[in-house]
Amino acid sequence: DSQRRQLRQASIVMGVAAVLWLGGLALGGRL
């Protein structure tokens, strides 16, 4: 259960980081 929780958390962090990274770069380029 601990390993699953860690994997889920790491997956969420990767997904959020990718979305924020790409979105931030696109927004920064437009602004």
ModelCIF file with pLDDT and N, C-alpha, C, O atoms, coordinates in Angstrom:
data_MODEL
#
_entry.id   MODEL 
#
_entity.id                         1 
_entity.type                       polymer 
_entity.pdbx_number_of_molecules   1 
#
_entity_poly.entity_id                      1 
_entity_poly.type                           'polypeptide(L)' 
_entity_poly.nstd_linkage                   no 
_entity_poly.nstd_monomer                   no 
_entity_poly.pdbx_seq_one_letter_code       DSQRRQLRQASIVMGVAAVLWLGGLALGGRL 
_entity_poly.pdbx_seq_one_letter_code_can   DSQRRQLRQASIVMGVAAVLWLGGLALGGRL 
_entity_poly.pdbx_strand_id                 A 
#
loop_
_entity_poly_seq.entity_id 
_entity_poly_seq.num 
_entity_poly_seq.mon_id 
_entity_poly_seq.hetero 
1 1  ASP n 
1 2  SER n 
1 3  GLN n 
1 4  ARG n 
1 5  ARG n 
1 6  GLN n 
1 7  LEU n 
1 8  ARG n 
1 9  GLN n 
1 10 ALA n 
1 11 SER n 
1 12 ILE n 
1 13 VAL n 
1 14 MET n 
1 15 GLY n 
1 16 VAL n 
1 17 ALA n 
1 18 ALA n 
1 19 VAL n 
1 20 LEU n 
1 21 TRP n 
1 22 LEU n 
1 23 GLY n 
1 24 GLY n 
1 25 LEU n 
1 26 ALA n 
1 27 LEU n 
1 28 GLY n 
1 29 GLY n 
1 30 ARG n 
1 31 LEU n 
#
_struct_asym.id          A 
_struct_asym.entity_id   1 
#
loop_
_ma_qa_metric.id 
_ma_qa_metric.mode 
_ma_qa_metric.name 
_ma_qa_metric.software_group_id 
_ma_qa_metric.type 
1 global pLDDT . pLDDT 
2 local  pLDDT . pLDDT 
#
_ma_qa_metric_global.metric_id      1 
_ma_qa_metric_global.metric_value   95.65 
_ma_qa_metric_global.model_id       1 
_ma_qa_metric_global.ordinal_id     1 
#
loop_
_ma_qa_metric_local.label_asym_id 
_ma_qa_metric_local.label_comp_id 
_ma_qa_metric_local.label_seq_id 
_ma_qa_metric_local.metric_id 
_ma_qa_metric_local.metric_value 
_ma_qa_metric_local.model_id 
_ma_qa_metric_local.ordinal_id 
A ASP 1  2 92.00 1 1  
A SER 2  2 93.00 1 2  
A GLN 3  2 94.00 1 3  
A ARG 4  2 95.00 1 4  
A ARG 5  2 96.00 1 5  
A GLN 6  2 96.00 1 6  
A LEU 7  2 96.00 1 7  
A ARG 8  2 97.00 1 8  
A GLN 9  2 97.00 1 9  
A ALA 10 2 97.00 1 10 
A SER 11 2 97.00 1 11 
A ILE 12 2 98.00 1 12 
A VAL 13 2 97.00 1 13 
A MET 14 2 97.00 1 14 
A GLY 15 2 97.00 1 15 
A VAL 16 2 98.00 1 16 
A ALA 17 2 98.00 1 17 
A ALA 18 2 97.00 1 18 
A VAL 19 2 98.00 1 19 
A LEU 20 2 97.00 1 20 
A TRP 21 2 97.00 1 21 
A LEU 22 2 96.00 1 22 
A GLY 23 2 96.00 1 23 
A GLY 24 2 95.00 1 24 
A LEU 25 2 94.00 1 25 
A ALA 26 2 95.00 1 26 
A LEU 27 2 94.00 1 27 
A GLY 28 2 93.00 1 28 
A GLY 29 2 91.00 1 29 
A ARG 30 2 94.00 1 30 
A LEU 31 2 93.00 1 31 
#
loop_
_atom_site.group_PDB 
_atom_site.id 
_atom_site.type_symbol 
_atom_site.label_atom_id 
_atom_site.label_alt_id 
_atom_site.label_comp_id 
_atom_site.label_asym_id 
_atom_site.label_entity_id 
_atom_site.label_seq_id 
_atom_site.pdbx_PDB_ins_code 
_atom_site.Cartn_x 
_atom_site.Cartn_y 
_atom_site.Cartn_z 
_atom_site.occupancy 
_atom_site.B_iso_or_equiv 
_atom_site.pdbx_formal_charge 
_atom_site.auth_seq_id 
_atom_site.auth_comp_id 
_atom_site.auth_asym_id 
_atom_site.auth_atom_id 
_atom_site.pdbx_PDB_model_num 
ATOM 1   N N  . ASP A 1 1  ? 0.830 -1.203 0.000   1.00 92.00 ? 1  ASP A N  1 
ATOM 2   C CA . ASP A 1 1  ? 0.000 0.000  0.000   1.00 92.00 ? 1  ASP A CA 1 
ATOM 3   C C  . ASP A 1 1  ? 0.865 1.254  0.000   1.00 92.00 ? 1  ASP A C  1 
ATOM 4   O O  . ASP A 1 1  ? 0.555 2.227  -0.686  1.00 92.00 ? 1  ASP A O  1 
ATOM 5   N N  . SER A 1 2  ? 1.938 1.230  0.761   1.00 93.00 ? 2  SER A N  1 
ATOM 6   C CA . SER A 1 2  ? 2.852 2.363  0.804   1.00 93.00 ? 2  SER A CA 1 
ATOM 7   C C  . SER A 1 2  ? 3.508 2.588  -0.555  1.00 93.00 ? 2  SER A C  1 
ATOM 8   O O  . SER A 1 2  ? 3.645 3.727  -1.002  1.00 93.00 ? 2  SER A O  1 
ATOM 9   N N  . GLN A 1 3  ? 3.910 1.508  -1.205  1.00 94.00 ? 3  GLN A N  1 
ATOM 10  C CA . GLN A 1 3  ? 4.529 1.626  -2.517  1.00 94.00 ? 3  GLN A CA 1 
ATOM 11  C C  . GLN A 1 3  ? 3.532 2.162  -3.543  1.00 94.00 ? 3  GLN A C  1 
ATOM 12  O O  . GLN A 1 3  ? 3.880 3.007  -4.368  1.00 94.00 ? 3  GLN A O  1 
ATOM 13  N N  . ARG A 1 4  ? 2.307 1.677  -3.490  1.00 95.00 ? 4  ARG A N  1 
ATOM 14  C CA . ARG A 1 4  ? 1.277 2.172  -4.411  1.00 95.00 ? 4  ARG A CA 1 
ATOM 15  C C  . ARG A 1 4  ? 1.027 3.658  -4.199  1.00 95.00 ? 4  ARG A C  1 
ATOM 16  O O  . ARG A 1 4  ? 0.883 4.417  -5.158  1.00 95.00 ? 4  ARG A O  1 
ATOM 17  N N  . ARG A 1 5  ? 0.978 4.063  -2.942  1.00 96.00 ? 5  ARG A N  1 
ATOM 18  C CA . ARG A 1 5  ? 0.757 5.470  -2.613  1.00 96.00 ? 5  ARG A CA 1 
ATOM 19  C C  . ARG A 1 5  ? 1.905 6.327  -3.146  1.00 96.00 ? 5  ARG A C  1 
ATOM 20  O O  . ARG A 1 5  ? 1.678 7.404  -3.695  1.00 96.00 ? 5  ARG A O  1 
ATOM 21  N N  . GLN A 1 6  ? 3.143 5.842  -2.981  1.00 96.00 ? 6  GLN A N  1 
ATOM 22  C CA . GLN A 1 6  ? 4.301 6.572  -3.485  1.00 96.00 ? 6  GLN A CA 1 
ATOM 23  C C  . GLN A 1 6  ? 4.289 6.670  -5.003  1.00 96.00 ? 6  GLN A C  1 
ATOM 24  O O  . GLN A 1 6  ? 4.590 7.725  -5.561  1.00 96.00 ? 6  GLN A O  1 
ATOM 25  N N  . LEU A 1 7  ? 3.939 5.571  -5.675  1.00 96.00 ? 7  LEU A N  1 
ATOM 26  C CA . LEU A 1 7  ? 3.883 5.577  -7.138  1.00 96.00 ? 7  LEU A CA 1 
ATOM 27  C C  . LEU A 1 7  ? 2.784 6.506  -7.643  1.00 96.00 ? 7  LEU A C  1 
ATOM 28  O O  . LEU A 1 7  ? 2.977 7.224  -8.624  1.00 96.00 ? 7  LEU A O  1 
ATOM 29  N N  . ARG A 1 8  ? 1.640 6.492  -6.980  1.00 97.00 ? 8  ARG A N  1 
ATOM 30  C CA . ARG A 1 8  ? 0.545 7.371  -7.375  1.00 97.00 ? 8  ARG A CA 1 
ATOM 31  C C  . ARG A 1 8  ? 0.949 8.830  -7.210  1.00 97.00 ? 8  ARG A C  1 
ATOM 32  O O  . ARG A 1 8  ? 0.689 9.656  -8.085  1.00 97.00 ? 8  ARG A O  1 
ATOM 33  N N  . GLN A 1 9  ? 1.584 9.142  -6.087  1.00 97.00 ? 9  GLN A N  1 
ATOM 34  C CA . GLN A 1 9  ? 2.013 10.510 -5.831  1.00 97.00 ? 9  GLN A CA 1 
ATOM 35  C C  . GLN A 1 9  ? 3.052 10.958 -6.861  1.00 97.00 ? 9  GLN A C  1 
ATOM 36  O O  . GLN A 1 9  ? 2.977 12.078 -7.366  1.00 97.00 ? 9  GLN A O  1 
ATOM 37  N N  . ALA A 1 10 ? 4.006 10.102 -7.171  1.00 97.00 ? 10 ALA A N  1 
ATOM 38  C CA . ALA A 1 10 ? 5.027 10.451 -8.157  1.00 97.00 ? 10 ALA A CA 1 
ATOM 39  C C  . ALA A 1 10 ? 4.406 10.633 -9.538  1.00 97.00 ? 10 ALA A C  1 
ATOM 40  O O  . ALA A 1 10 ? 4.812 11.521 -10.287 1.00 97.00 ? 10 ALA A O  1 
ATOM 41  N N  . SER A 1 11 ? 3.432 9.807  -9.880  1.00 97.00 ? 11 SER A N  1 
ATOM 42  C CA . SER A 1 11 ? 2.766 9.939  -11.178 1.00 97.00 ? 11 SER A CA 1 
ATOM 43  C C  . SER A 1 11 ? 1.994 11.250 -11.268 1.00 97.00 ? 11 SER A C  1 
ATOM 44  O O  . SER A 1 11 ? 2.018 11.919 -12.301 1.00 97.00 ? 11 SER A O  1 
ATOM 45  N N  . ILE A 1 12 ? 1.323 11.609 -10.207 1.00 98.00 ? 12 ILE A N  1 
ATOM 46  C CA . ILE A 1 12 ? 0.579 12.869 -10.186 1.00 98.00 ? 12 ILE A CA 1 
ATOM 47  C C  . ILE A 1 12 ? 1.534 14.050 -10.305 1.00 98.00 ? 12 ILE A C  1 
ATOM 48  O O  . ILE A 1 12 ? 1.260 15.000 -11.038 1.00 98.00 ? 12 ILE A O  1 
ATOM 49  N N  . VAL A 1 13 ? 2.649 13.995 -9.590  1.00 97.00 ? 13 VAL A N  1 
ATOM 50  C CA . VAL A 1 13 ? 3.637 15.071 -9.660  1.00 97.00 ? 13 VAL A CA 1 
ATOM 51  C C  . VAL A 1 13 ? 4.172 15.201 -11.082 1.00 97.00 ? 13 VAL A C  1 
ATOM 52  O O  . VAL A 1 13 ? 4.331 16.316 -11.579 1.00 97.00 ? 13 VAL A O  1 
ATOM 53  N N  . MET A 1 14 ? 4.452 14.080 -11.745 1.00 97.00 ? 14 MET A N  1 
ATOM 54  C CA . MET A 1 14 ? 4.945 14.138 -13.113 1.00 97.00 ? 14 MET A CA 1 
ATOM 55  C C  . MET A 1 14 ? 3.907 14.747 -14.052 1.00 97.00 ? 14 MET A C  1 
ATOM 56  O O  . MET A 1 14 ? 4.242 15.590 -14.884 1.00 97.00 ? 14 MET A O  1 
ATOM 57  N N  . GLY A 1 15 ? 2.672 14.333 -13.926 1.00 97.00 ? 15 GLY A N  1 
ATOM 58  C CA . GLY A 1 15 ? 1.621 14.862 -14.788 1.00 97.00 ? 15 GLY A CA 1 
ATOM 59  C C  . GLY A 1 15 ? 1.391 16.348 -14.588 1.00 97.00 ? 15 GLY A C  1 
ATOM 60  O O  . GLY A 1 15 ? 1.296 17.107 -15.552 1.00 97.00 ? 15 GLY A O  1 
ATOM 61  N N  . VAL A 1 16 ? 1.302 16.758 -13.336 1.00 98.00 ? 16 VAL A N  1 
ATOM 62  C CA . VAL A 1 16 ? 1.082 18.174 -13.036 1.00 98.00 ? 16 VAL A CA 1 
ATOM 63  C C  . VAL A 1 16 ? 2.277 19.005 -13.487 1.00 98.00 ? 16 VAL A C  1 
ATOM 64  O O  . VAL A 1 16 ? 2.101 20.092 -14.037 1.00 98.00 ? 16 VAL A O  1 
ATOM 65  N N  . ALA A 1 17 ? 3.480 18.509 -13.261 1.00 98.00 ? 17 ALA A N  1 
ATOM 66  C CA . ALA A 1 17 ? 4.681 19.235 -13.677 1.00 98.00 ? 17 ALA A CA 1 
ATOM 67  C C  . ALA A 1 17 ? 4.715 19.412 -15.193 1.00 98.00 ? 17 ALA A C  1 
ATOM 68  O O  . ALA A 1 17 ? 5.064 20.486 -15.683 1.00 98.00 ? 17 ALA A O  1 
ATOM 69  N N  . ALA A 1 18 ? 4.357 18.375 -15.932 1.00 97.00 ? 18 ALA A N  1 
ATOM 70  C CA . ALA A 1 18 ? 4.371 18.466 -17.394 1.00 97.00 ? 18 ALA A CA 1 
ATOM 71  C C  . ALA A 1 18 ? 3.339 19.478 -17.883 1.00 97.00 ? 18 ALA A C  1 
ATOM 72  O O  . ALA A 1 18 ? 3.635 20.288 -18.762 1.00 97.00 ? 18 ALA A O  1 
ATOM 73  N N  . VAL A 1 19 ? 2.132 19.440 -17.320 1.00 98.00 ? 19 VAL A N  1 
ATOM 74  C CA . VAL A 1 19 ? 1.084 20.370 -17.748 1.00 98.00 ? 19 VAL A CA 1 
ATOM 75  C C  . VAL A 1 19 ? 1.465 21.810 -17.404 1.00 98.00 ? 19 VAL A C  1 
ATOM 76  O O  . VAL A 1 19 ? 1.316 22.710 -18.230 1.00 98.00 ? 19 VAL A O  1 
ATOM 77  N N  . LEU A 1 20 ? 1.955 22.022 -16.189 1.00 97.00 ? 20 LEU A N  1 
ATOM 78  C CA . LEU A 1 20 ? 2.342 23.375 -15.799 1.00 97.00 ? 20 LEU A CA 1 
ATOM 79  C C  . LEU A 1 20 ? 3.539 23.875 -16.603 1.00 97.00 ? 20 LEU A C  1 
ATOM 80  O O  . LEU A 1 20 ? 3.609 25.052 -16.954 1.00 97.00 ? 20 LEU A O  1 
ATOM 81  N N  . TRP A 1 21 ? 4.466 22.988 -16.888 1.00 97.00 ? 21 TRP A N  1 
ATOM 82  C CA . TRP A 1 21 ? 5.657 23.353 -17.646 1.00 97.00 ? 21 TRP A CA 1 
ATOM 83  C C  . TRP A 1 21 ? 5.275 23.795 -19.062 1.00 97.00 ? 21 TRP A C  1 
ATOM 84  O O  . TRP A 1 21 ? 5.655 24.878 -19.506 1.00 97.00 ? 21 TRP A O  1 
ATOM 85  N N  . LEU A 1 22 ? 4.525 22.952 -19.756 1.00 96.00 ? 22 LEU A N  1 
ATOM 86  C CA . LEU A 1 22 ? 4.135 23.277 -21.127 1.00 96.00 ? 22 LEU A CA 1 
ATOM 87  C C  . LEU A 1 22 ? 3.179 24.478 -21.170 1.00 96.00 ? 22 LEU A C  1 
ATOM 88  O O  . LEU A 1 22 ? 3.302 25.351 -22.029 1.00 96.00 ? 22 LEU A O  1 
ATOM 89  N N  . GLY A 1 23 ? 2.244 24.505 -20.247 1.00 96.00 ? 23 GLY A N  1 
ATOM 90  C CA . GLY A 1 23 ? 1.327 25.640 -20.194 1.00 96.00 ? 23 GLY A CA 1 
ATOM 91  C C  . GLY A 1 23 ? 2.029 26.941 -19.861 1.00 96.00 ? 23 GLY A C  1 
ATOM 92  O O  . GLY A 1 23 ? 1.731 27.985 -20.440 1.00 96.00 ? 23 GLY A O  1 
ATOM 93  N N  . GLY A 1 24 ? 2.949 26.875 -18.939 1.00 95.00 ? 24 GLY A N  1 
ATOM 94  C CA . GLY A 1 24 ? 3.700 28.077 -18.569 1.00 95.00 ? 24 GLY A CA 1 
ATOM 95  C C  . GLY A 1 24 ? 4.578 28.584 -19.696 1.00 95.00 ? 24 GLY A C  1 
ATOM 96  O O  . GLY A 1 24 ? 4.699 29.792 -19.899 1.00 95.00 ? 24 GLY A O  1 
ATOM 97  N N  . LEU A 1 25 ? 5.190 27.665 -20.430 1.00 94.00 ? 25 LEU A N  1 
ATOM 98  C CA . LEU A 1 25 ? 6.018 28.085 -21.562 1.00 94.00 ? 25 LEU A CA 1 
ATOM 99  C C  . LEU A 1 25 ? 5.162 28.693 -22.673 1.00 94.00 ? 25 LEU A C  1 
ATOM 100 O O  . LEU A 1 25 ? 5.547 29.695 -23.276 1.00 94.00 ? 25 LEU A O  1 
ATOM 101 N N  . ALA A 1 26 ? 4.013 28.095 -22.941 1.00 95.00 ? 26 ALA A N  1 
ATOM 102 C CA . ALA A 1 26 ? 3.119 28.644 -23.965 1.00 95.00 ? 26 ALA A CA 1 
ATOM 103 C C  . ALA A 1 26 ? 2.596 30.016 -23.547 1.00 95.00 ? 26 ALA A C  1 
ATOM 104 O O  . ALA A 1 26 ? 2.563 30.944 -24.354 1.00 95.00 ? 26 ALA A O  1 
ATOM 105 N N  . LEU A 1 27 ? 2.194 30.139 -22.301 1.00 94.00 ? 27 LEU A N  1 
ATOM 106 C CA . LEU A 1 27 ? 1.679 31.411 -21.803 1.00 94.00 ? 27 LEU A CA 1 
ATOM 107 C C  . LEU A 1 27 ? 2.783 32.466 -21.785 1.00 94.00 ? 27 LEU A C  1 
ATOM 108 O O  . LEU A 1 27 ? 2.557 33.620 -22.148 1.00 94.00 ? 27 LEU A O  1 
ATOM 109 N N  . GLY A 1 28 ? 3.959 32.065 -21.367 1.00 93.00 ? 28 GLY A N  1 
ATOM 110 C CA . GLY A 1 28 ? 5.079 33.011 -21.343 1.00 93.00 ? 28 GLY A CA 1 
ATOM 111 C C  . GLY A 1 28 ? 5.446 33.504 -22.726 1.00 93.00 ? 28 GLY A C  1 
ATOM 112 O O  . GLY A 1 28 ? 5.801 34.669 -22.900 1.00 93.00 ? 28 GLY A O  1 
ATOM 113 N N  . GLY A 1 29 ? 5.363 32.616 -23.720 1.00 91.00 ? 29 GLY A N  1 
ATOM 114 C CA . GLY A 1 29 ? 5.640 33.032 -25.089 1.00 91.00 ? 29 GLY A CA 1 
ATOM 115 C C  . GLY A 1 29 ? 4.597 34.006 -25.618 1.00 91.00 ? 29 GLY A C  1 
ATOM 116 O O  . GLY A 1 29 ? 4.932 34.962 -26.317 1.00 91.00 ? 29 GLY A O  1 
ATOM 117 N N  . ARG A 1 30 ? 3.342 33.767 -25.286 1.00 94.00 ? 30 ARG A N  1 
ATOM 118 C CA . ARG A 1 30 ? 2.273 34.669 -25.744 1.00 94.00 ? 30 ARG A CA 1 
ATOM 119 C C  . ARG A 1 30 ? 2.340 36.029 -25.067 1.00 94.00 ? 30 ARG A C  1 
ATOM 120 O O  . ARG A 1 30 ? 2.051 37.056 -25.681 1.00 94.00 ? 30 ARG A O  1 
ATOM 121 N N  . LEU A 1 31 ? 2.727 36.026 -23.786 1.00 93.00 ? 31 LEU A N  1 
ATOM 122 C CA . LEU A 1 31 ? 2.783 37.293 -23.049 1.00 93.00 ? 31 LEU A CA 1 
ATOM 123 C C  . LEU A 1 31 ? 4.104 38.016 -23.233 1.00 93.00 ? 31 LEU A C  1 
ATOM 124 O O  . LEU A 1 31 ? 4.300 39.095 -22.674 1.00 93.00 ? 31 LEU A O  1 
#
